[in-house]
Amino acid sequence: MRVARDSNKPVPEGCILDANGLPTTTAQDFYDGGVLLPLGGAAAGHKGYGLAFASALLGALGSIGQPQPNLVGALPPPGGFDECAAGALLILIDPGAFGDPIAYRQNVTRVSRAARRVRPAPGTEAVLIPGDPESQSAKRRKVNGISLPSTTWESLAEIASANGVDLPPVTKWVD
C-alpha cells in the first residue's frame, strides 16, 4: 500500500475501501481512514477476514501493556489507538511431535511434486505452491535489485536512523 501511495499508482480494484466505505483504487484513501478488504472479496472474503481477525487478536497478546502500538500496528485506526490490536502471530509446529519428521518431509516433497504436475490453468505457465512466488521474486531481485519509490526509501531511512541501523547503499535511483 505504501509503495503504491508513494509511487502514485492505483491499487487493484477490490483491495480497499475509503473512509466512507466506498470502493477505491487510490492508496492514499487507505491512509485517510480507509480499510483493507479481506482476501477473496465478496465471494469468499469472510474466510480470509476471520483468519485475519483471529490472527490480529492472538498477535495482540504480545503488545499487552505497551503504551503505543508496535510497527506492525503503527497505522492509527479511525477510532484511535484504543481500538487497535497490534502484534504478530507465529505458530511453529514441530512435525517430530506427531511422528517421524523425515517421513513427513518426504511426504511434503511428494505432494508438492504432484501439485506441480497438475495442468496449469489457461493463461498461466505453471501450478505454484506456497513459497514459489517468493522464491521466484528473490531470484529476480538478486539479479535486478529491489525498486522502491524515493519516498519509501526515505521512510525506511528515517526508521533505520531512529534505530541505529545502517541501510545498504543505493545502486541507482529510478524515480
N, C-alpha and C. Protein backbone atom coordinates (compact mmCIF):
# COMPACT_ATOMS: atom_id res chain seq x y z
N MET A 1 0.83 -1.18 0.00
CA MET A 1 0.00 0.00 0.00
C MET A 1 0.88 1.25 0.00
N ARG A 2 1.95 1.22 0.81
CA ARG A 2 2.84 2.38 0.87
C ARG A 2 3.56 2.61 -0.45
N VAL A 3 3.99 1.53 -1.07
CA VAL A 3 4.70 1.67 -2.34
C VAL A 3 3.75 2.23 -3.40
N ALA A 4 2.52 1.76 -3.42
CA ALA A 4 1.53 2.29 -4.38
C ALA A 4 1.28 3.77 -4.10
N ARG A 5 1.12 4.11 -2.82
CA ARG A 5 0.88 5.52 -2.46
C ARG A 5 2.08 6.37 -2.86
N ASP A 6 3.28 5.91 -2.49
CA ASP A 6 4.48 6.70 -2.76
C ASP A 6 4.79 6.79 -4.24
N SER A 7 4.34 5.81 -5.02
CA SER A 7 4.54 5.83 -6.48
C SER A 7 3.40 6.51 -7.20
N ASN A 8 2.37 6.88 -6.44
CA ASN A 8 1.16 7.47 -7.01
C ASN A 8 0.54 6.54 -8.06
N LYS A 9 0.50 5.24 -7.71
CA LYS A 9 -0.10 4.24 -8.59
C LYS A 9 -1.36 3.68 -7.94
N PRO A 10 -2.34 3.28 -8.74
CA PRO A 10 -3.55 2.70 -8.16
C PRO A 10 -3.30 1.29 -7.63
N VAL A 11 -4.10 0.90 -6.65
CA VAL A 11 -4.08 -0.48 -6.17
C VAL A 11 -5.17 -1.23 -6.94
N PRO A 12 -5.10 -2.54 -7.01
CA PRO A 12 -6.11 -3.28 -7.76
C PRO A 12 -7.52 -3.08 -7.18
N GLU A 13 -8.50 -3.11 -8.04
CA GLU A 13 -9.90 -2.99 -7.59
C GLU A 13 -10.20 -4.12 -6.61
N GLY A 14 -11.02 -3.82 -5.62
CA GLY A 14 -11.43 -4.82 -4.65
C GLY A 14 -10.46 -4.99 -3.49
N CYS A 15 -9.45 -4.13 -3.38
CA CYS A 15 -8.47 -4.25 -2.29
C CYS A 15 -8.80 -3.39 -1.10
N ILE A 16 -9.33 -2.18 -1.34
CA ILE A 16 -9.58 -1.25 -0.23
C ILE A 16 -10.89 -0.51 -0.40
N LEU A 17 -11.36 0.02 0.75
CA LEU A 17 -12.49 0.94 0.78
C LEU A 17 -11.98 2.24 1.36
N ASP A 18 -12.59 3.36 0.98
CA ASP A 18 -12.19 4.64 1.55
C ASP A 18 -12.87 4.83 2.91
N ALA A 19 -12.68 5.98 3.54
CA ALA A 19 -13.22 6.25 4.87
C ALA A 19 -14.75 6.21 4.90
N ASN A 20 -15.38 6.37 3.74
CA ASN A 20 -16.85 6.32 3.66
C ASN A 20 -17.36 4.93 3.32
N GLY A 21 -16.46 3.95 3.24
CA GLY A 21 -16.86 2.59 2.92
C GLY A 21 -17.08 2.34 1.45
N LEU A 22 -16.58 3.23 0.59
CA LEU A 22 -16.75 3.08 -0.85
C LEU A 22 -15.50 2.47 -1.48
N PRO A 23 -15.67 1.62 -2.49
CA PRO A 23 -14.51 1.04 -3.17
C PRO A 23 -13.64 2.13 -3.79
N THR A 24 -12.34 1.94 -3.73
CA THR A 24 -11.40 2.89 -4.31
C THR A 24 -10.14 2.16 -4.75
N THR A 25 -9.42 2.78 -5.66
CA THR A 25 -8.12 2.25 -6.07
C THR A 25 -7.00 3.23 -5.71
N THR A 26 -7.32 4.29 -4.98
CA THR A 26 -6.35 5.29 -4.57
C THR A 26 -5.75 4.90 -3.23
N ALA A 27 -4.47 4.55 -3.22
CA ALA A 27 -3.82 4.06 -2.00
C ALA A 27 -3.92 5.06 -0.85
N GLN A 28 -3.84 6.34 -1.13
CA GLN A 28 -3.91 7.34 -0.06
C GLN A 28 -5.23 7.25 0.71
N ASP A 29 -6.29 6.80 0.05
CA ASP A 29 -7.58 6.65 0.73
C ASP A 29 -7.48 5.70 1.91
N PHE A 30 -6.63 4.69 1.81
CA PHE A 30 -6.41 3.76 2.92
C PHE A 30 -5.85 4.51 4.12
N TYR A 31 -4.88 5.40 3.87
CA TYR A 31 -4.23 6.14 4.96
C TYR A 31 -5.11 7.25 5.50
N ASP A 32 -6.14 7.60 4.78
CA ASP A 32 -7.06 8.64 5.22
C ASP A 32 -8.29 8.05 5.91
N GLY A 33 -8.13 6.86 6.50
CA GLY A 33 -9.22 6.25 7.25
C GLY A 33 -9.89 5.09 6.55
N GLY A 34 -9.35 4.66 5.41
CA GLY A 34 -9.92 3.52 4.70
C GLY A 34 -9.53 2.21 5.34
N VAL A 35 -9.95 1.12 4.72
CA VAL A 35 -9.66 -0.21 5.25
C VAL A 35 -9.28 -1.16 4.12
N LEU A 36 -8.47 -2.16 4.47
CA LEU A 36 -8.17 -3.25 3.54
C LEU A 36 -9.36 -4.19 3.50
N LEU A 37 -9.68 -4.69 2.34
CA LEU A 37 -10.72 -5.70 2.22
C LEU A 37 -10.10 -7.09 2.38
N PRO A 38 -10.87 -8.03 2.89
CA PRO A 38 -10.31 -9.38 3.06
C PRO A 38 -10.04 -10.05 1.72
N LEU A 39 -9.00 -10.86 1.71
CA LEU A 39 -8.66 -11.62 0.51
C LEU A 39 -9.85 -12.49 0.14
N GLY A 40 -10.22 -12.50 -1.10
CA GLY A 40 -11.35 -13.31 -1.55
C GLY A 40 -12.56 -12.47 -1.90
N GLY A 41 -12.56 -11.18 -1.52
CA GLY A 41 -13.64 -10.27 -1.87
C GLY A 41 -14.99 -10.72 -1.36
N ALA A 42 -16.04 -10.30 -2.06
CA ALA A 42 -17.41 -10.58 -1.63
C ALA A 42 -17.75 -12.06 -1.67
N ALA A 43 -17.11 -12.81 -2.56
CA ALA A 43 -17.45 -14.22 -2.73
C ALA A 43 -16.92 -15.08 -1.59
N ALA A 44 -15.70 -14.85 -1.14
CA ALA A 44 -15.12 -15.72 -0.13
C ALA A 44 -14.30 -14.95 0.90
N GLY A 45 -14.42 -13.63 0.91
CA GLY A 45 -13.61 -12.81 1.81
C GLY A 45 -13.87 -13.05 3.28
N HIS A 46 -15.07 -13.55 3.60
CA HIS A 46 -15.38 -13.80 5.00
C HIS A 46 -14.40 -14.80 5.61
N LYS A 47 -13.91 -15.72 4.80
CA LYS A 47 -12.96 -16.72 5.31
C LYS A 47 -11.63 -16.04 5.64
N GLY A 48 -11.13 -15.23 4.74
CA GLY A 48 -9.89 -14.51 4.99
C GLY A 48 -10.03 -13.53 6.14
N TYR A 49 -11.20 -12.90 6.25
CA TYR A 49 -11.44 -11.92 7.30
C TYR A 49 -11.37 -12.59 8.67
N GLY A 50 -11.99 -13.73 8.81
CA GLY A 50 -11.99 -14.42 10.10
C GLY A 50 -10.59 -14.82 10.52
N LEU A 51 -9.82 -15.35 9.59
CA LEU A 51 -8.46 -15.74 9.90
C LEU A 51 -7.62 -14.51 10.26
N ALA A 52 -7.77 -13.43 9.50
CA ALA A 52 -7.01 -12.21 9.78
C ALA A 52 -7.40 -11.62 11.13
N PHE A 53 -8.69 -11.64 11.44
CA PHE A 53 -9.17 -11.10 12.72
C PHE A 53 -8.63 -11.92 13.89
N ALA A 54 -8.70 -13.24 13.77
CA ALA A 54 -8.18 -14.11 14.82
C ALA A 54 -6.67 -13.92 14.98
N SER A 55 -5.95 -13.80 13.88
CA SER A 55 -4.50 -13.59 13.94
C SER A 55 -4.17 -12.27 14.62
N ALA A 56 -4.93 -11.21 14.30
CA ALA A 56 -4.69 -9.91 14.92
C ALA A 56 -4.90 -9.99 16.43
N LEU A 57 -5.97 -10.65 16.84
CA LEU A 57 -6.25 -10.73 18.28
C LEU A 57 -5.21 -11.58 19.01
N LEU A 58 -4.81 -12.70 18.41
CA LEU A 58 -3.77 -13.51 19.03
C LEU A 58 -2.42 -12.81 19.00
N GLY A 59 -2.14 -12.12 17.91
CA GLY A 59 -0.89 -11.37 17.81
C GLY A 59 -0.82 -10.24 18.81
N ALA A 60 -1.97 -9.67 19.16
CA ALA A 60 -2.00 -8.57 20.12
C ALA A 60 -1.62 -9.01 21.52
N LEU A 61 -1.59 -10.32 21.79
CA LEU A 61 -1.16 -10.79 23.10
C LEU A 61 0.24 -10.27 23.43
N GLY A 62 1.08 -10.13 22.40
CA GLY A 62 2.44 -9.66 22.61
C GLY A 62 2.55 -8.18 22.89
N SER A 63 1.47 -7.44 22.72
CA SER A 63 1.53 -5.99 22.94
C SER A 63 0.74 -5.55 24.17
N ILE A 64 0.31 -6.50 24.98
CA ILE A 64 -0.44 -6.13 26.19
C ILE A 64 0.46 -5.25 27.06
N GLY A 65 -0.07 -4.12 27.46
CA GLY A 65 0.67 -3.23 28.34
C GLY A 65 1.59 -2.26 27.64
N GLN A 66 1.75 -2.35 26.32
CA GLN A 66 2.58 -1.39 25.60
C GLN A 66 1.81 -0.08 25.46
N PRO A 67 2.45 1.05 25.79
CA PRO A 67 1.72 2.32 25.70
C PRO A 67 1.39 2.73 24.27
N GLN A 68 2.21 2.31 23.30
CA GLN A 68 1.97 2.63 21.90
C GLN A 68 2.02 1.34 21.09
N PRO A 69 1.30 1.28 20.00
CA PRO A 69 1.39 0.10 19.14
C PRO A 69 2.80 -0.06 18.58
N ASN A 70 3.16 -1.29 18.26
CA ASN A 70 4.47 -1.51 17.64
C ASN A 70 4.37 -1.22 16.15
N LEU A 71 5.44 -1.44 15.40
CA LEU A 71 5.45 -1.10 13.99
C LEU A 71 4.38 -1.82 13.18
N VAL A 72 4.02 -3.03 13.60
CA VAL A 72 3.00 -3.78 12.85
C VAL A 72 1.67 -3.04 12.88
N GLY A 73 1.35 -2.44 14.00
CA GLY A 73 0.08 -1.74 14.13
C GLY A 73 0.24 -0.24 14.23
N ALA A 74 1.25 0.32 13.56
CA ALA A 74 1.57 1.73 13.71
C ALA A 74 0.59 2.66 12.99
N LEU A 75 -0.25 2.14 12.13
CA LEU A 75 -1.20 2.99 11.42
C LEU A 75 -2.40 3.24 12.32
N PRO A 76 -2.65 4.49 12.71
CA PRO A 76 -3.76 4.73 13.62
C PRO A 76 -5.11 4.43 12.97
N PRO A 77 -5.94 3.64 13.63
CA PRO A 77 -7.27 3.36 13.08
C PRO A 77 -8.16 4.59 13.28
N PRO A 78 -9.30 4.64 12.56
CA PRO A 78 -10.18 5.81 12.66
C PRO A 78 -10.58 6.15 14.09
N GLY A 79 -10.76 5.15 14.94
CA GLY A 79 -11.17 5.40 16.32
C GLY A 79 -10.01 5.65 17.26
N GLY A 80 -8.80 5.73 16.75
CA GLY A 80 -7.63 5.95 17.60
C GLY A 80 -7.00 4.63 18.02
N PHE A 81 -5.85 4.74 18.69
CA PHE A 81 -5.10 3.55 19.08
C PHE A 81 -5.82 2.70 20.13
N ASP A 82 -6.80 3.25 20.82
CA ASP A 82 -7.53 2.45 21.80
C ASP A 82 -8.33 1.34 21.14
N GLU A 83 -8.60 1.48 19.84
CA GLU A 83 -9.35 0.46 19.10
C GLU A 83 -8.42 -0.38 18.24
N CYS A 84 -7.15 -0.43 18.60
CA CYS A 84 -6.16 -1.10 17.77
C CYS A 84 -5.59 -2.31 18.49
N ALA A 85 -5.37 -3.38 17.77
CA ALA A 85 -4.68 -4.55 18.29
C ALA A 85 -3.46 -4.76 17.41
N ALA A 86 -2.28 -4.55 17.98
CA ALA A 86 -1.07 -4.67 17.19
C ALA A 86 -0.26 -5.87 17.64
N GLY A 87 0.42 -6.48 16.72
CA GLY A 87 1.27 -7.60 17.07
C GLY A 87 1.42 -8.54 15.89
N ALA A 88 2.13 -9.59 16.12
CA ALA A 88 2.35 -10.59 15.09
C ALA A 88 2.07 -11.96 15.68
N LEU A 89 1.55 -12.84 14.88
CA LEU A 89 1.25 -14.19 15.31
C LEU A 89 2.10 -15.17 14.52
N LEU A 90 2.88 -15.95 15.24
CA LEU A 90 3.66 -17.02 14.63
C LEU A 90 3.28 -18.32 15.31
N ILE A 91 2.97 -19.31 14.53
CA ILE A 91 2.67 -20.63 15.08
C ILE A 91 3.71 -21.58 14.51
N LEU A 92 4.48 -22.18 15.36
CA LEU A 92 5.52 -23.11 14.95
C LEU A 92 5.09 -24.51 15.37
N ILE A 93 5.13 -25.42 14.44
CA ILE A 93 4.73 -26.79 14.71
C ILE A 93 5.90 -27.71 14.39
N ASP A 94 6.28 -28.51 15.35
CA ASP A 94 7.36 -29.47 15.17
C ASP A 94 6.75 -30.77 14.65
N PRO A 95 6.99 -31.12 13.37
CA PRO A 95 6.43 -32.36 12.84
C PRO A 95 6.86 -33.58 13.64
N GLY A 96 8.02 -33.49 14.29
CA GLY A 96 8.51 -34.60 15.09
C GLY A 96 7.61 -34.92 16.28
N ALA A 97 6.77 -33.98 16.67
CA ALA A 97 5.84 -34.23 17.77
C ALA A 97 4.73 -35.19 17.35
N PHE A 98 4.58 -35.41 16.04
CA PHE A 98 3.50 -36.24 15.52
C PHE A 98 3.98 -37.54 14.90
N GLY A 99 5.28 -37.66 14.73
CA GLY A 99 5.83 -38.85 14.09
C GLY A 99 7.21 -38.54 13.53
N ASP A 100 7.65 -39.36 12.62
CA ASP A 100 8.98 -39.23 12.04
C ASP A 100 9.07 -37.98 11.16
N PRO A 101 9.89 -36.99 11.53
CA PRO A 101 9.96 -35.75 10.74
C PRO A 101 10.56 -35.98 9.35
N ILE A 102 11.42 -36.96 9.19
CA ILE A 102 11.99 -37.24 7.87
C ILE A 102 10.92 -37.80 6.95
N ALA A 103 10.08 -38.69 7.47
CA ALA A 103 8.97 -39.23 6.67
C ALA A 103 8.01 -38.11 6.29
N TYR A 104 7.78 -37.17 7.19
CA TYR A 104 6.89 -36.05 6.90
C TYR A 104 7.47 -35.19 5.78
N ARG A 105 8.76 -34.89 5.87
CA ARG A 105 9.43 -34.09 4.83
C ARG A 105 9.32 -34.78 3.47
N GLN A 106 9.50 -36.10 3.45
CA GLN A 106 9.39 -36.85 2.20
C GLN A 106 7.97 -36.78 1.64
N ASN A 107 6.99 -36.83 2.52
CA ASN A 107 5.59 -36.74 2.10
C ASN A 107 5.29 -35.36 1.53
N VAL A 108 5.80 -34.32 2.18
CA VAL A 108 5.61 -32.95 1.68
C VAL A 108 6.23 -32.83 0.28
N THR A 109 7.40 -33.39 0.09
CA THR A 109 8.07 -33.36 -1.22
C THR A 109 7.22 -34.06 -2.27
N ARG A 110 6.68 -35.25 -1.95
CA ARG A 110 5.84 -35.99 -2.91
C ARG A 110 4.59 -35.20 -3.27
N VAL A 111 3.92 -34.64 -2.26
CA VAL A 111 2.69 -33.89 -2.52
C VAL A 111 2.99 -32.62 -3.33
N SER A 112 4.09 -31.95 -3.03
CA SER A 112 4.48 -30.75 -3.77
C SER A 112 4.76 -31.07 -5.23
N ARG A 113 5.46 -32.15 -5.47
CA ARG A 113 5.75 -32.56 -6.86
C ARG A 113 4.46 -32.90 -7.60
N ALA A 114 3.54 -33.58 -6.92
CA ALA A 114 2.26 -33.93 -7.54
C ALA A 114 1.47 -32.67 -7.88
N ALA A 115 1.47 -31.69 -6.99
CA ALA A 115 0.74 -30.44 -7.25
C ALA A 115 1.32 -29.73 -8.46
N ARG A 116 2.63 -29.74 -8.59
CA ARG A 116 3.27 -29.06 -9.71
C ARG A 116 3.02 -29.78 -11.05
N ARG A 117 2.67 -31.06 -11.01
CA ARG A 117 2.38 -31.81 -12.23
C ARG A 117 0.96 -31.57 -12.76
N VAL A 118 0.11 -30.92 -11.98
CA VAL A 118 -1.25 -30.62 -12.42
C VAL A 118 -1.17 -29.65 -13.59
N ARG A 119 -2.04 -29.84 -14.58
CA ARG A 119 -2.06 -28.97 -15.74
C ARG A 119 -2.41 -27.54 -15.28
N PRO A 120 -1.61 -26.55 -15.69
CA PRO A 120 -1.89 -25.17 -15.29
C PRO A 120 -3.17 -24.64 -15.93
N ALA A 121 -3.78 -23.69 -15.27
CA ALA A 121 -4.97 -23.04 -15.81
C ALA A 121 -4.59 -22.29 -17.08
N PRO A 122 -5.54 -22.13 -18.00
CA PRO A 122 -5.24 -21.39 -19.24
C PRO A 122 -4.67 -20.00 -18.90
N GLY A 123 -3.64 -19.64 -19.63
CA GLY A 123 -3.03 -18.33 -19.43
C GLY A 123 -1.96 -18.29 -18.35
N THR A 124 -1.70 -19.43 -17.70
CA THR A 124 -0.65 -19.48 -16.68
C THR A 124 0.41 -20.47 -17.13
N GLU A 125 1.62 -20.26 -16.61
CA GLU A 125 2.74 -21.11 -17.04
C GLU A 125 2.85 -22.40 -16.23
N ALA A 126 2.55 -22.31 -14.93
CA ALA A 126 2.75 -23.47 -14.07
C ALA A 126 1.88 -23.37 -12.83
N VAL A 127 1.66 -24.51 -12.20
CA VAL A 127 1.00 -24.54 -10.90
C VAL A 127 2.05 -24.19 -9.87
N LEU A 128 1.73 -23.24 -9.02
CA LEU A 128 2.65 -22.82 -7.97
C LEU A 128 2.17 -23.31 -6.62
N ILE A 129 3.10 -23.62 -5.74
CA ILE A 129 2.75 -23.99 -4.38
C ILE A 129 3.27 -22.88 -3.46
N PRO A 130 2.82 -22.86 -2.21
CA PRO A 130 3.29 -21.81 -1.30
C PRO A 130 4.81 -21.74 -1.28
N GLY A 131 5.31 -20.53 -1.38
CA GLY A 131 6.75 -20.30 -1.39
C GLY A 131 7.31 -20.09 -2.79
N ASP A 132 6.65 -20.63 -3.81
CA ASP A 132 7.15 -20.49 -5.18
C ASP A 132 7.21 -19.02 -5.64
N PRO A 133 6.13 -18.23 -5.46
CA PRO A 133 6.23 -16.83 -5.90
C PRO A 133 7.35 -16.08 -5.18
N GLU A 134 7.51 -16.35 -3.89
CA GLU A 134 8.55 -15.68 -3.12
C GLU A 134 9.94 -16.09 -3.60
N SER A 135 10.11 -17.36 -3.91
CA SER A 135 11.39 -17.86 -4.40
C SER A 135 11.72 -17.24 -5.76
N GLN A 136 10.72 -17.15 -6.64
CA GLN A 136 10.92 -16.54 -7.95
C GLN A 136 11.26 -15.06 -7.81
N SER A 137 10.57 -14.39 -6.91
CA SER A 137 10.83 -12.97 -6.67
C SER A 137 12.23 -12.76 -6.12
N ALA A 138 12.66 -13.60 -5.20
CA ALA A 138 14.01 -13.48 -4.63
C ALA A 138 15.07 -13.63 -5.71
N LYS A 139 14.86 -14.58 -6.63
CA LYS A 139 15.83 -14.78 -7.72
C LYS A 139 15.89 -13.54 -8.62
N ARG A 140 14.71 -12.99 -8.95
CA ARG A 140 14.69 -11.78 -9.79
C ARG A 140 15.38 -10.62 -9.08
N ARG A 141 15.10 -10.47 -7.80
CA ARG A 141 15.66 -9.35 -7.05
C ARG A 141 17.17 -9.47 -6.86
N LYS A 142 17.68 -10.69 -6.78
CA LYS A 142 19.14 -10.85 -6.69
C LYS A 142 19.81 -10.37 -7.95
N VAL A 143 19.12 -10.50 -9.08
CA VAL A 143 19.68 -10.07 -10.36
C VAL A 143 19.40 -8.58 -10.60
N ASN A 144 18.16 -8.16 -10.39
CA ASN A 144 17.72 -6.81 -10.77
C ASN A 144 17.66 -5.82 -9.62
N GLY A 145 17.78 -6.28 -8.38
CA GLY A 145 17.61 -5.40 -7.24
C GLY A 145 16.15 -5.20 -6.90
N ILE A 146 15.88 -4.32 -5.94
CA ILE A 146 14.53 -4.04 -5.49
C ILE A 146 14.22 -2.58 -5.79
N SER A 147 13.17 -2.34 -6.53
CA SER A 147 12.77 -0.98 -6.87
C SER A 147 11.81 -0.44 -5.82
N LEU A 148 12.14 0.73 -5.31
CA LEU A 148 11.29 1.42 -4.35
C LEU A 148 11.19 2.89 -4.73
N PRO A 149 10.03 3.50 -4.52
CA PRO A 149 9.95 4.95 -4.72
C PRO A 149 10.87 5.64 -3.71
N SER A 150 11.39 6.81 -4.06
CA SER A 150 12.32 7.50 -3.17
C SER A 150 11.66 7.84 -1.83
N THR A 151 10.36 8.14 -1.83
CA THR A 151 9.70 8.47 -0.56
C THR A 151 9.64 7.25 0.36
N THR A 152 9.49 6.06 -0.21
CA THR A 152 9.51 4.84 0.60
C THR A 152 10.90 4.64 1.18
N TRP A 153 11.93 4.84 0.35
CA TRP A 153 13.32 4.70 0.82
C TRP A 153 13.60 5.70 1.94
N GLU A 154 13.12 6.93 1.78
CA GLU A 154 13.33 7.95 2.81
C GLU A 154 12.65 7.55 4.12
N SER A 155 11.46 6.96 4.03
CA SER A 155 10.77 6.49 5.24
C SER A 155 11.57 5.38 5.92
N LEU A 156 12.11 4.46 5.11
CA LEU A 156 12.94 3.39 5.66
C LEU A 156 14.20 3.96 6.30
N ALA A 157 14.78 4.98 5.67
CA ALA A 157 15.99 5.60 6.21
C ALA A 157 15.71 6.26 7.56
N GLU A 158 14.55 6.89 7.71
CA GLU A 158 14.18 7.51 8.99
C GLU A 158 14.06 6.45 10.08
N ILE A 159 13.39 5.35 9.77
CA ILE A 159 13.22 4.27 10.75
C ILE A 159 14.57 3.66 11.10
N ALA A 160 15.41 3.44 10.09
CA ALA A 160 16.74 2.87 10.33
C ALA A 160 17.56 3.80 11.21
N SER A 161 17.55 5.09 10.90
CA SER A 161 18.32 6.05 11.67
C SER A 161 17.85 6.10 13.12
N ALA A 162 16.55 6.08 13.32
CA ALA A 162 15.99 6.12 14.68
C ALA A 162 16.38 4.88 15.49
N ASN A 163 16.70 3.80 14.79
CA ASN A 163 17.05 2.55 15.47
C ASN A 163 18.52 2.18 15.34
N GLY A 164 19.34 3.12 14.84
CA GLY A 164 20.77 2.89 14.74
C GLY A 164 21.18 1.83 13.75
N VAL A 165 20.43 1.70 12.66
CA VAL A 165 20.70 0.68 11.65
C VAL A 165 21.17 1.36 10.36
N ASP A 166 22.26 0.86 9.77
CA ASP A 166 22.74 1.38 8.50
C ASP A 166 22.01 0.69 7.36
N LEU A 167 21.58 1.49 6.39
CA LEU A 167 20.94 0.92 5.20
C LEU A 167 22.00 0.55 4.17
N PRO A 168 21.71 -0.44 3.33
CA PRO A 168 22.66 -0.77 2.26
C PRO A 168 22.72 0.39 1.27
N PRO A 169 23.80 0.47 0.51
CA PRO A 169 23.91 1.56 -0.46
C PRO A 169 22.89 1.42 -1.59
N VAL A 170 22.47 2.55 -2.12
CA VAL A 170 21.56 2.58 -3.27
C VAL A 170 22.43 2.47 -4.52
N THR A 171 22.05 1.56 -5.41
CA THR A 171 22.86 1.38 -6.62
C THR A 171 22.39 2.30 -7.75
N LYS A 172 21.09 2.62 -7.77
CA LYS A 172 20.60 3.58 -8.76
C LYS A 172 19.22 4.06 -8.35
N TRP A 173 18.88 5.28 -8.74
CA TRP A 173 17.57 5.84 -8.49
C TRP A 173 16.76 5.74 -9.78
N VAL A 174 15.48 5.39 -9.64
CA VAL A 174 14.64 5.19 -10.82
C VAL A 174 13.56 6.25 -10.95
N ASP A 175 13.21 6.93 -9.84
CA ASP A 175 12.10 7.91 -9.88
C ASP A 175 12.15 8.66 -11.13
